[in-house]
Amino acid sequence: MKYVITGGAGFIGSHLAESLVNRGDSVIIFDDLNTGKKQNLIKVLDKIKFVEGDVRNYNSLEKIFQSTDGVFHHAARASVQESFLKPAEYFDINVNGTENVFKIAHSLGIKVVYASSSSVYGMPTKLPIKEDDPKNPINPYAKTKLEDEKIARKYALKGLNVIGLRYFNVFGERQSKEYAGVIKLFLERIQEKLPPKINGDGLQTRDFVYVGDIVLANILSMESNIDHTFFNVGTGTNISVLEIARMMVKYSGLDLEPIHGPVLEGDVKDTLADISHIKRELDWKPTVFLEEWLKKKITTFNINYKT
């Protein structure tokens, strides 16, 4: 099969590219390299076609979508804090760019699986969060993701096969500061033998889901017979940021105590996914959990902390 991955040089897109290439698919990466890096694709760079481009460029997208079996759409600006500073740019890329993807895919009869976000729920009214729960985004980035969902529904009514995956907090190798950024920042601090720095009291909870499980959700969605839906992609478990910090310190063997900074603007208090829909429809379930991954990640270079 032949697939296009927009944003394919990013954290999630590059893992998806590796998985598709390893199973024998033909892959085209379309990325503007704003946050993505070709280095992320080093394992498969000689086996893919890479096109540097912007999803706002309709003609460029239309050209690479020709003779394609499916599109995985991950291109977006994804920093909550930056979205407050650049709301117009975020809307232009995340909303107008996404509509370009949907419009072209619809005209060519191509299925789209795309990255939505748990941020569309805002401050949840209850936990765990179900797909049909209220949507109340509290920052400009999240608002763009909700607009994308409205556009997806519009094109689905016209006949586009489109599935939106509402990612909760994604972690894993090569993760960027936009996805489960606290994990990346804590790891960097601990590598430097510095205490993890927490925004706020650290009692905010998150549902952390492994990037490899995200990749599988994308592939299963693409290969399913489902025409249009939205899936939560999480683990159905959550943990506080303070617990994560203390866990990482424990695994490092360092004598550190987390420190606290101001609360981040646009940050939700709690997230927890109800994943019964994706389990039932795709037979998908999480396979890697945060604590075991962190323990392995930290203990592999733990010896360096003590030298």
Foldseek 3Di string as FASTA:
>chain_A
DEEEEEVLQADLNLVLVVVCVVVPYAYEYEYQPPPGDVVSNVVCPVRYHYDHDALLPLVVLLVVCPPGQAYEYEDADFAQQVCQVPLVVRLSRLANSLLSVLVSCLVVVHAYEYEAAPLQQPAFPDPADDPPGDGDHQTSNNVSSVNSVVSQVVSVVVPHQYEYEHEWAEDDPNHDCRGVVQVVQLVVQVLVVHQREAAPPQQFKTFYAYSVLVSVLRVLSNPAPHRYDYFYDGAQDMDTRLVVRVLLCVLLVHDYHYHYDHHDRRDYRYHGHDGPVCCVRRVGHGDDDDSVVSSVVNNVCSVVSVD
